[in-house]
Amino acid sequence: MSSLEEKDIERLLEKFDASSLQEFEMTQGDLHLAFSKRAQAATVVQESVPVVSDAAPAPAAPASTSTSTSAQPAAVPAPQPDAGTPVPAPLVGVAYFAAAPDKPPFKQIGDHVDKGETIFVIEAMKMINEVPSPVSGTLVKRLIDDGTMVEYDEPVVTIKEDAAE
């Protein structure tokens, strides 16, 4: 039983296909399985394109030309993290802003949160993991939609910290 047989892997794949999970990883000894329903691997490539330093010279030209306006939206996401403290996902899973679909969200945009207070949960392997606020402040932005698959360390919300006393 130390290694999986082909029928076991097929059974896992069938259960994964029938589930609401978007990704599944498993390691058993030397065997590592990874299933994914995500078809958009190009998203990662798109995220790395704005990071390229070539994007920085482009906004310098728009001062004299109005045709480079499309380069400005790529520069807009950079100031957003400065507007507060981003709260990253501590693990891979599906993020939810409420304890259940019929329950109110833990916090709405504009609500005050205390350090340690639950602001969202992540479901991973049918386990619900509460994510506490690392700071006290005001919830200013949700960076993802409810029920979105998140990666480890992906920013989920932004909190504007309270002024130091």
Protein backbone atom coordinates (compact mmCIF):
# COMPACT_ATOMS: atom_id res chain seq x y z
CA MET A 1 0.00 0.00 0.00
CA SER A 2 3.07 2.21 -0.07
CA SER A 3 2.51 3.08 -3.73
CA LEU A 4 -0.62 3.93 -5.66
CA GLU A 5 -1.80 1.73 -8.47
CA GLU A 6 -3.14 3.08 -11.75
CA LYS A 7 -6.74 2.31 -10.71
CA ASP A 8 -6.23 4.32 -7.49
CA ILE A 9 -4.97 7.29 -9.48
CA GLU A 10 -7.90 7.00 -11.91
CA ARG A 11 -10.32 6.91 -8.96
CA LEU A 12 -8.69 10.02 -7.47
CA LEU A 13 -8.95 11.79 -10.81
CA GLU A 14 -12.65 10.87 -11.14
CA LYS A 15 -13.40 12.17 -7.63
CA PHE A 16 -11.43 15.34 -8.37
CA ASP A 17 -13.39 15.91 -11.60
CA ALA A 18 -16.68 15.49 -9.71
CA SER A 19 -15.63 17.84 -6.89
CA SER A 20 -15.70 21.63 -6.69
CA LEU A 21 -11.94 21.76 -6.11
CA GLN A 22 -9.91 23.61 -8.72
CA GLU A 23 -6.54 22.12 -7.78
CA PHE A 24 -5.33 19.04 -5.93
CA GLU A 25 -1.81 17.98 -4.97
CA MET A 26 -0.71 14.82 -3.19
CA THR A 27 2.67 13.35 -2.33
CA GLN A 28 3.12 9.77 -1.19
CA GLY A 29 6.71 8.59 -0.98
CA ASP A 30 8.39 9.31 -4.32
CA LEU A 31 5.05 9.82 -6.07
CA HIS A 32 3.73 13.36 -6.54
CA LEU A 33 0.31 13.96 -8.12
CA ALA A 34 -1.04 17.36 -9.15
CA PHE A 35 -4.49 17.85 -10.73
CA SER A 36 -5.77 21.21 -11.92
CA LYS A 37 -8.99 22.39 -13.57
CA ARG A 38 -7.50 25.80 -14.28
CA ALA A 39 -7.13 26.27 -18.00
CA GLN A 40 -5.60 29.74 -17.91
CA ALA A 41 -1.90 29.26 -17.26
CA ALA A 42 -1.40 32.41 -19.36
CA THR A 43 -2.61 34.47 -16.39
CA VAL A 44 0.73 33.94 -14.66
CA VAL A 45 2.53 35.17 -17.77
CA GLN A 46 0.33 38.26 -17.88
CA GLU A 47 1.14 39.03 -14.25
CA SER A 48 4.87 38.87 -14.89
CA VAL A 49 4.68 41.21 -17.91
CA PRO A 50 3.84 44.38 -15.89
CA VAL A 51 6.74 43.58 -13.55
CA VAL A 52 9.23 43.90 -16.42
CA SER A 53 11.20 47.13 -16.17
CA ASP A 54 10.25 48.00 -19.77
CA ALA A 55 6.85 49.06 -18.42
CA ALA A 56 8.46 51.89 -16.41
CA PRO A 57 9.79 53.90 -19.41
CA ALA A 58 6.40 53.68 -21.17
CA PRO A 59 4.61 55.92 -18.60
CA ALA A 60 7.32 58.57 -19.05
CA ALA A 61 6.30 59.04 -22.70
CA PRO A 62 2.56 59.60 -22.04
CA ALA A 63 3.25 63.05 -20.66
CA SER A 64 3.65 64.26 -24.23
CA THR A 65 1.51 61.66 -26.03
CA SER A 66 -2.07 60.72 -25.25
CA THR A 67 -1.90 57.43 -27.19
CA SER A 68 0.07 55.74 -24.39
CA THR A 69 -2.90 56.04 -22.02
CA SER A 70 -3.32 52.26 -22.15
CA ALA A 71 0.03 51.89 -20.34
CA GLN A 72 -1.29 53.86 -17.37
CA PRO A 73 -3.79 51.22 -16.14
CA ALA A 74 -0.88 48.77 -15.80
CA ALA A 75 0.75 51.27 -13.43
CA VAL A 76 -2.45 51.73 -11.38
CA PRO A 77 -2.19 48.45 -9.39
CA ALA A 78 1.17 49.51 -7.90
CA PRO A 79 -0.32 52.33 -5.76
CA GLN A 80 -3.11 50.10 -4.41
CA PRO A 81 -0.88 48.13 -2.00
CA ASP A 82 0.47 51.46 -0.72
CA ALA A 83 -3.10 52.37 0.27
CA GLY A 84 -2.92 49.78 3.02
CA THR A 85 -1.57 46.48 4.22
CA PRO A 86 -2.23 43.58 1.85
CA VAL A 87 -3.37 40.40 3.60
CA PRO A 88 -2.02 37.36 1.75
CA ALA A 89 -3.49 33.87 1.59
CA PRO A 90 -1.59 31.67 4.07
CA LEU A 91 -2.30 28.56 1.96
CA VAL A 92 -3.69 27.42 -1.38
CA GLY A 93 -7.46 26.99 -1.47
CA VAL A 94 -10.79 28.68 -2.13
CA ALA A 95 -11.31 31.99 -0.31
CA TYR A 96 -14.69 32.98 1.11
CA PHE A 97 -15.68 36.21 2.84
CA ALA A 98 -18.53 34.60 4.84
CA ALA A 99 -18.74 31.48 7.02
CA ALA A 100 -21.49 30.08 4.76
CA PRO A 101 -23.40 31.23 1.67
CA ASP A 102 -26.44 32.12 3.80
CA LYS A 103 -24.38 33.99 6.43
CA PRO A 104 -23.31 37.66 6.32
CA PRO A 105 -19.68 38.39 5.40
CA PHE A 106 -17.14 38.59 8.21
CA LYS A 107 -16.40 42.20 7.21
CA GLN A 108 -17.63 44.59 4.51
CA ILE A 109 -15.53 47.18 2.69
CA GLY A 110 -15.24 50.18 5.04
CA ASP A 111 -15.69 48.12 8.23
CA HIS A 112 -13.16 48.42 11.04
CA VAL A 113 -11.20 45.25 11.86
CA ASP A 114 -9.18 44.48 14.96
CA LYS A 115 -5.87 42.65 14.86
CA GLY A 116 -6.59 38.91 15.10
CA GLU A 117 -10.21 39.22 13.94
CA THR A 118 -11.29 36.81 11.18
CA ILE A 119 -11.63 38.62 7.84
CA PHE A 120 -12.01 35.65 5.46
CA VAL A 121 -11.65 31.87 5.36
CA ILE A 122 -9.87 29.52 2.99
CA GLU A 123 -11.25 26.07 2.24
CA ALA A 124 -8.50 23.57 1.52
CA MET A 125 -9.06 19.81 1.36
CA LYS A 126 -12.56 20.25 2.85
CA MET A 127 -11.08 22.03 5.89
CA ILE A 128 -12.03 25.64 6.70
CA ASN A 129 -9.10 27.81 7.79
CA GLU A 130 -9.84 31.20 9.34
CA VAL A 131 -7.55 34.04 8.29
CA PRO A 132 -7.10 36.72 10.96
CA SER A 133 -6.27 40.35 10.32
CA PRO A 134 -2.56 41.04 10.92
CA VAL A 135 -3.30 44.67 11.84
CA SER A 136 -6.09 46.87 13.21
CA GLY A 137 -7.62 49.18 10.65
CA THR A 138 -10.27 49.61 7.96
CA LEU A 139 -10.97 47.05 5.24
CA VAL A 140 -10.47 49.10 2.08
CA LYS A 141 -10.43 46.58 -0.76
CA ARG A 142 -11.16 43.00 -1.71
CA LEU A 143 -8.65 41.94 -4.33
CA ILE A 144 -10.54 38.79 -5.36
CA ASP A 145 -14.14 37.66 -5.72
CA ASP A 146 -15.83 35.43 -3.15
CA GLY A 147 -15.22 31.76 -3.95
CA THR A 148 -12.01 32.39 -5.89
CA MET A 149 -9.12 29.93 -5.87
CA VAL A 150 -6.09 31.60 -4.28
CA GLU A 151 -2.42 30.70 -4.33
CA TYR A 152 -0.08 30.79 -1.36
CA ASP A 153 0.89 34.38 -0.48
CA GLU A 154 -1.57 35.88 -3.01
CA PRO A 155 -3.01 39.18 -1.68
CA VAL A 156 -6.71 38.76 -0.86
CA VAL A 157 -7.73 42.01 0.89
CA THR A 158 -6.15 45.35 1.77
CA ILE A 159 -6.46 46.96 5.21
CA LYS A 160 -5.60 50.60 5.91
CA GLU A 161 -3.91 50.54 9.29
CA ASP A 162 -5.13 52.69 12.18
CA ALA A 163 -2.90 55.68 12.95
CA ALA A 164 -0.30 54.90 15.63
CA GLU A 165 -1.20 56.29 19.00
